[in-house]
Amino acid sequence: MKKHLAEIWNAEDVDHARRAVKEFEAAYGIKHSKAVAKVLNDLAALTSLPTATSPAFT
């Protein structure tokens, strides 16, 4: 499970992160439904990558 979560966190871009979330859901959806639900609910926060125009960089 840690490997799949790391793939989400360390994704190169949003598309890779979303693909990793789908793989996570396919692998653990039945056995760990609460964990999958949490990741899916937090997907926007997990995929919000800072950019050069983000407030932290200005």
PDB file of N, CA and C in Angstrom:
ATOM      1  N   MET A   1       0.824  -1.178   0.000  1.00  0.00           N
ATOM      2  CA  MET A   1       0.000   0.000   0.000  1.00  0.00           C
ATOM      3  C   MET A   1       0.878   1.256   0.000  1.00  0.00           C
ATOM      4  N   LYS A   2       1.984   1.229   0.735  1.00  0.00           N
ATOM      5  CA  LYS A   2       2.858   2.403   0.795  1.00  0.00           C
ATOM      6  C   LYS A   2       3.418   2.757  -0.569  1.00  0.00           C
ATOM      7  N   LYS A   3       3.702   1.734  -1.369  1.00  0.00           N
ATOM      8  CA  LYS A   3       4.240   1.975  -2.712  1.00  0.00           C
ATOM      9  C   LYS A   3       3.228   2.734  -3.565  1.00  0.00           C
ATOM     10  N   HIS A   4       1.983   2.311  -3.513  1.00  0.00           N
ATOM     11  CA  HIS A   4       0.949   2.981  -4.303  1.00  0.00           C
ATOM     12  C   HIS A   4       0.730   4.414  -3.834  1.00  0.00           C
ATOM     13  N   LEU A   5       0.727   4.637  -2.527  1.00  0.00           N
ATOM     14  CA  LEU A   5       0.566   5.995  -2.016  1.00  0.00           C
ATOM     15  C   LEU A   5       1.745   6.872  -2.421  1.00  0.00           C
ATOM     16  N   ALA A   6       2.942   6.318  -2.383  1.00  0.00           N
ATOM     17  CA  ALA A   6       4.125   7.082  -2.794  1.00  0.00           C
ATOM     18  C   ALA A   6       4.047   7.457  -4.267  1.00  0.00           C
ATOM     19  N   GLU A   7       3.484   6.592  -5.081  1.00  0.00           N
ATOM     20  CA  GLU A   7       3.319   6.911  -6.497  1.00  0.00           C
ATOM     21  C   GLU A   7       2.377   8.099  -6.689  1.00  0.00           C
ATOM     22  N   ILE A   8       1.387   8.222  -5.821  1.00  0.00           N
ATOM     23  CA  ILE A   8       0.474   9.365  -5.893  1.00  0.00           C
ATOM     24  C   ILE A   8       1.208  10.631  -5.475  1.00  0.00           C
ATOM     25  N   TRP A   9       1.871  10.583  -4.334  1.00  0.00           N
ATOM     26  CA  TRP A   9       2.554  11.762  -3.793  1.00  0.00           C
ATOM     27  C   TRP A   9       3.695  12.235  -4.670  1.00  0.00           C
ATOM     28  N   ASN A  10       4.406  11.287  -5.278  1.00  0.00           N
ATOM     29  CA  ASN A  10       5.594  11.624  -6.053  1.00  0.00           C
ATOM     30  C   ASN A  10       5.339  11.680  -7.554  1.00  0.00           C
ATOM     31  N   ALA A  11       4.101  11.774  -7.944  1.00  0.00           N
ATOM     32  CA  ALA A  11       3.755  11.809  -9.367  1.00  0.00           C
ATOM     33  C   ALA A  11       4.381  13.027 -10.051  1.00  0.00           C
ATOM     34  N   GLU A  12       4.765  12.828 -11.300  1.00  0.00           N
ATOM     35  CA  GLU A  12       5.392  13.898 -12.083  1.00  0.00           C
ATOM     36  C   GLU A  12       4.426  15.041 -12.368  1.00  0.00           C
ATOM     37  N   ASP A  13       3.166  14.698 -12.581  1.00  0.00           N
ATOM     38  CA  ASP A  13       2.155  15.715 -12.869  1.00  0.00           C
ATOM     39  C   ASP A  13       0.789  15.182 -12.440  1.00  0.00           C
ATOM     40  N   VAL A  14      -0.222  15.976 -12.641  1.00  0.00           N
ATOM     41  CA  VAL A  14      -1.564  15.639 -12.190  1.00  0.00           C
ATOM     42  C   VAL A  14      -2.092  14.391 -12.890  1.00  0.00           C
ATOM     43  N   ASP A  15      -1.807  14.248 -14.166  1.00  0.00           N
ATOM     44  CA  ASP A  15      -2.286  13.068 -14.896  1.00  0.00           C
ATOM     45  C   ASP A  15      -1.698  11.786 -14.325  1.00  0.00           C
ATOM     46  N   HIS A  16      -0.423  11.808 -14.012  1.00  0.00           N
ATOM     47  CA  HIS A  16       0.204  10.628 -13.415  1.00  0.00           C
ATOM     48  C   HIS A  16      -0.371  10.350 -12.025  1.00  0.00           C
ATOM     49  N   ALA A  17      -0.653  11.388 -11.287  1.00  0.00           N
ATOM     50  CA  ALA A  17      -1.242  11.212  -9.957  1.00  0.00           C
ATOM     51  C   ALA A  17      -2.630  10.591 -10.055  1.00  0.00           C
ATOM     52  N   ARG A  18      -3.431  11.074 -10.981  1.00  0.00           N
ATOM     53  CA  ARG A  18      -4.779  10.516 -11.152  1.00  0.00           C
ATOM     54  C   ARG A  18      -4.724   9.056 -11.597  1.00  0.00           C
ATOM     55  N   ARG A  19      -3.784   8.742 -12.459  1.00  0.00           N
ATOM     56  CA  ARG A  19      -3.602   7.355 -12.895  1.00  0.00           C
ATOM     57  C   ARG A  19      -3.190   6.482 -11.708  1.00  0.00           C
ATOM     58  N   ALA A  20      -2.311   7.001 -10.858  1.00  0.00           N
ATOM     59  CA  ALA A  20      -1.872   6.262  -9.676  1.00  0.00           C
ATOM     60  C   ALA A  20      -3.029   6.054  -8.699  1.00  0.00           C
ATOM     61  N   VAL A  21      -3.916   7.043  -8.585  1.00  0.00           N
ATOM     62  CA  VAL A  21      -5.082   6.901  -7.716  1.00  0.00           C
ATOM     63  C   VAL A  21      -5.998   5.809  -8.247  1.00  0.00           C
ATOM     64  N   LYS A  22      -6.184   5.742  -9.551  1.00  0.00           N
ATOM     65  CA  LYS A  22      -7.024   4.685 -10.129  1.00  0.00           C
ATOM     66  C   LYS A  22      -6.417   3.310  -9.879  1.00  0.00           C
ATOM     67  N   GLU A  23      -5.099   3.206  -9.980  1.00  0.00           N
ATOM     68  CA  GLU A  23      -4.427   1.939  -9.687  1.00  0.00           C
ATOM     69  C   GLU A  23      -4.575   1.581  -8.207  1.00  0.00           C
ATOM     70  N   PHE A  24      -4.461   2.580  -7.345  1.00  0.00           N
ATOM     71  CA  PHE A  24      -4.650   2.376  -5.910  1.00  0.00           C
ATOM     72  C   PHE A  24      -6.054   1.877  -5.628  1.00  0.00           C
ATOM     73  N   GLU A  25      -7.033   2.496  -6.259  1.00  0.00           N
ATOM     74  CA  GLU A  25      -8.427   2.095  -6.068  1.00  0.00           C
ATOM     75  C   GLU A  25      -8.660   0.663  -6.554  1.00  0.00           C
ATOM     76  N   ALA A  26      -8.083   0.314  -7.689  1.00  0.00           N
ATOM     77  CA  ALA A  26      -8.250  -1.038  -8.222  1.00  0.00           C
ATOM     78  C   ALA A  26      -7.592  -2.076  -7.312  1.00  0.00           C
ATOM     79  N   ALA A  27      -6.451  -1.725  -6.742  1.00  0.00           N
ATOM     80  CA  ALA A  27      -5.712  -2.674  -5.914  1.00  0.00           C
ATOM     81  C   ALA A  27      -6.319  -2.845  -4.520  1.00  0.00           C
ATOM     82  N   TYR A  28      -6.847  -1.765  -3.934  1.00  0.00           N
ATOM     83  CA  TYR A  28      -7.257  -1.806  -2.533  1.00  0.00           C
ATOM     84  C   TYR A  28      -8.712  -1.441  -2.277  1.00  0.00           C
ATOM     85  N   GLY A  29      -9.482  -1.227  -3.325  1.00  0.00           N
ATOM     86  CA  GLY A  29     -10.859  -0.756  -3.171  1.00  0.00           C
ATOM     87  C   GLY A  29     -11.750  -1.638  -2.325  1.00  0.00           C
ATOM     88  N   ILE A  30     -11.627  -2.926  -2.437  1.00  0.00           N
ATOM     89  CA  ILE A  30     -12.502  -3.836  -1.704  1.00  0.00           C
ATOM     90  C   ILE A  30     -12.017  -4.021  -0.260  1.00  0.00           C
ATOM     91  N   LYS A  31     -10.752  -4.292  -0.098  1.00  0.00           N
ATOM     92  CA  LYS A  31     -10.214  -4.608   1.223  1.00  0.00           C
ATOM     93  C   LYS A  31     -10.074  -3.375   2.122  1.00  0.00           C
ATOM     94  N   HIS A  32      -9.694  -2.251   1.537  1.00  0.00           N
ATOM     95  CA  HIS A  32      -9.448  -1.027   2.304  1.00  0.00           C
ATOM     96  C   HIS A  32     -10.315   0.112   1.773  1.00  0.00           C
ATOM     97  N   SER A  33     -11.604  -0.093   1.801  1.00  0.00           N
ATOM     98  CA  SER A  33     -12.527   0.875   1.198  1.00  0.00           C
ATOM     99  C   SER A  33     -12.466   2.248   1.865  1.00  0.00           C
ATOM    100  N   LYS A  34     -12.238   2.296   3.174  1.00  0.00           N
ATOM    101  CA  LYS A  34     -12.165   3.595   3.856  1.00  0.00           C
ATOM    102  C   LYS A  34     -10.922   4.372   3.433  1.00  0.00           C
ATOM    103  N   ALA A  35      -9.810   3.685   3.270  1.00  0.00           N
ATOM    104  CA  ALA A  35      -8.580   4.350   2.831  1.00  0.00           C
ATOM    105  C   ALA A  35      -8.738   4.873   1.407  1.00  0.00           C
ATOM    106  N   VAL A  36      -9.338   4.085   0.557  1.00  0.00           N
ATOM    107  CA  VAL A  36      -9.561   4.510  -0.828  1.00  0.00           C
ATOM    108  C   VAL A  36     -10.497   5.707  -0.861  1.00  0.00           C
ATOM    109  N   ALA A  37     -11.540   5.677  -0.069  1.00  0.00           N
ATOM    110  CA  ALA A  37     -12.478   6.799  -0.019  1.00  0.00           C
ATOM    111  C   ALA A  37     -11.769   8.067   0.436  1.00  0.00           C
ATOM    112  N   LYS A  38     -10.888   7.964   1.410  1.00  0.00           N
ATOM    113  CA  LYS A  38     -10.156   9.124   1.902  1.00  0.00           C
ATOM    114  C   LYS A  38      -9.260   9.704   0.810  1.00  0.00           C
ATOM    115  N   VAL A  39      -8.558   8.846   0.089  1.00  0.00           N
ATOM    116  CA  VAL A  39      -7.686   9.312  -0.996  1.00  0.00           C
ATOM    117  C   VAL A  39      -8.516   9.980  -2.080  1.00  0.00           C
ATOM    118  N   LEU A  40      -9.631   9.383  -2.441  1.00  0.00           N
ATOM    119  CA  LEU A  40     -10.491   9.959  -3.468  1.00  0.00           C
ATOM    120  C   LEU A  40     -11.071  11.296  -3.024  1.00  0.00           C
ATOM    121  N   ASN A  41     -11.445  11.415  -1.752  1.00  0.00           N
ATOM    122  CA  ASN A  41     -11.979  12.676  -1.240  1.00  0.00           C
ATOM    123  C   ASN A  41     -10.908  13.757  -1.204  1.00  0.00           C
ATOM    124  N   ASP A  42      -9.666  13.372  -0.973  1.00  0.00           N
ATOM    125  CA  ASP A  42      -8.564  14.326  -0.872  1.00  0.00           C
ATOM    126  C   ASP A  42      -7.791  14.479  -2.176  1.00  0.00           C
ATOM    127  N   LEU A  43      -8.329  13.968  -3.258  1.00  0.00           N
ATOM    128  CA  LEU A  43      -7.616  13.990  -4.535  1.00  0.00           C
ATOM    129  C   LEU A  43      -7.257  15.400  -4.977  1.00  0.00           C
ATOM    130  N   ALA A  44      -8.142  16.328  -4.805  1.00  0.00           N
ATOM    131  CA  ALA A  44      -7.856  17.712  -5.223  1.00  0.00           C
ATOM    132  C   ALA A  44      -6.667  18.277  -4.458  1.00  0.00           C
ATOM    133  N   ALA A  45      -6.622  18.035  -3.169  1.00  0.00           N
ATOM    134  CA  ALA A  45      -5.499  18.532  -2.364  1.00  0.00           C
ATOM    135  C   ALA A  45      -4.208  17.798  -2.707  1.00  0.00           C
ATOM    136  N   LEU A  46      -4.313  16.510  -2.970  1.00  0.00           N
ATOM    137  CA  LEU A  46      -3.117  15.731  -3.291  1.00  0.00           C
ATOM    138  C   LEU A  46      -2.525  16.108  -4.641  1.00  0.00           C
ATOM    139  N   THR A  47      -3.370  16.580  -5.542  1.00  0.00           N
ATOM    140  CA  THR A  47      -2.892  16.891  -6.892  1.00  0.00           C
ATOM    141  C   THR A  47      -2.699  18.381  -7.130  1.00  0.00           C
ATOM    142  N   SER A  48      -2.854  19.193  -6.107  1.00  0.00           N
ATOM    143  CA  SER A  48      -2.636  20.625  -6.279  1.00  0.00           C
ATOM    144  C   SER A  48      -1.142  20.912  -6.120  1.00  0.00           C
ATOM    145  N   LEU A  49      -0.481  20.938  -7.227  1.00  0.00           N
ATOM    146  CA  LEU A  49       0.957  21.146  -7.234  1.00  0.00           C
ATOM    147  C   LEU A  49       1.277  22.629  -7.279  1.00  0.00           C
ATOM    148  N   PRO A  50       2.266  23.071  -6.520  1.00  0.00           N
ATOM    149  CA  PRO A  50       2.641  24.474  -6.592  1.00  0.00           C
ATOM    150  C   PRO A  50       3.231  24.815  -7.956  1.00  0.00           C
ATOM    151  N   THR A  51       2.929  25.993  -8.422  1.00  0.00           N
ATOM    152  CA  THR A  51       3.476  26.467  -9.688  1.00  0.00           C
ATOM    153  C   THR A  51       4.182  27.785  -9.454  1.00  0.00           C
ATOM    154  N   ALA A  52       4.815  28.300 -10.452  1.00  0.00           N
ATOM    155  CA  ALA A  52       5.540  29.565 -10.330  1.00  0.00           C
ATOM    156  C   ALA A  52       4.591  30.724 -10.023  1.00  0.00           C
ATOM    157  N   THR A  53       3.310  30.560 -10.329  1.00  0.00           N
ATOM    158  CA  THR A  53       2.345  31.632 -10.053  1.00  0.00           C
ATOM    159  C   THR A  53       1.605  31.429  -8.742  1.00  0.00           C
ATOM    160  N   SER A  54       1.923  30.379  -8.005  1.00  0.00           N
ATOM    161  CA  SER A  54       1.279  30.145  -6.713  1.00  0.00           C
ATOM    162  C   SER A  54       1.681  31.240  -5.727  1.00  0.00           C
ATOM    163  N   PRO A  55       0.796  31.555  -4.776  1.00  0.00           N
ATOM    164  CA  PRO A  55       1.112  32.609  -3.794  1.00  0.00           C
ATOM    165  C   PRO A  55       2.415  32.365  -3.039  1.00  0.00           C
ATOM    166  N   ALA A  56       2.778  31.123  -2.831  1.00  0.00           N
ATOM    167  CA  ALA A  56       4.010  30.839  -2.083  1.00  0.00           C
ATOM    168  C   ALA A  56       5.251  31.296  -2.849  1.00  0.00           C
ATOM    169  N   PHE A  57       5.157  31.425  -4.157  1.00  0.00           N
ATOM    170  CA  PHE A  57       6.309  31.784  -4.972  1.00  0.00           C
ATOM    171  C   PHE A  57       6.325  33.267  -5.342  1.00  0.00           C
ATOM    172  N   THR A  58       5.312  34.017  -4.957  1.00  0.00           N
ATOM    173  CA  THR A  58       5.284  35.428  -5.342  1.00  0.00           C
ATOM    174  C   THR A  58       5.767  36.323  -4.232  1.00  0.00           C
TER     175      THR A  58
END
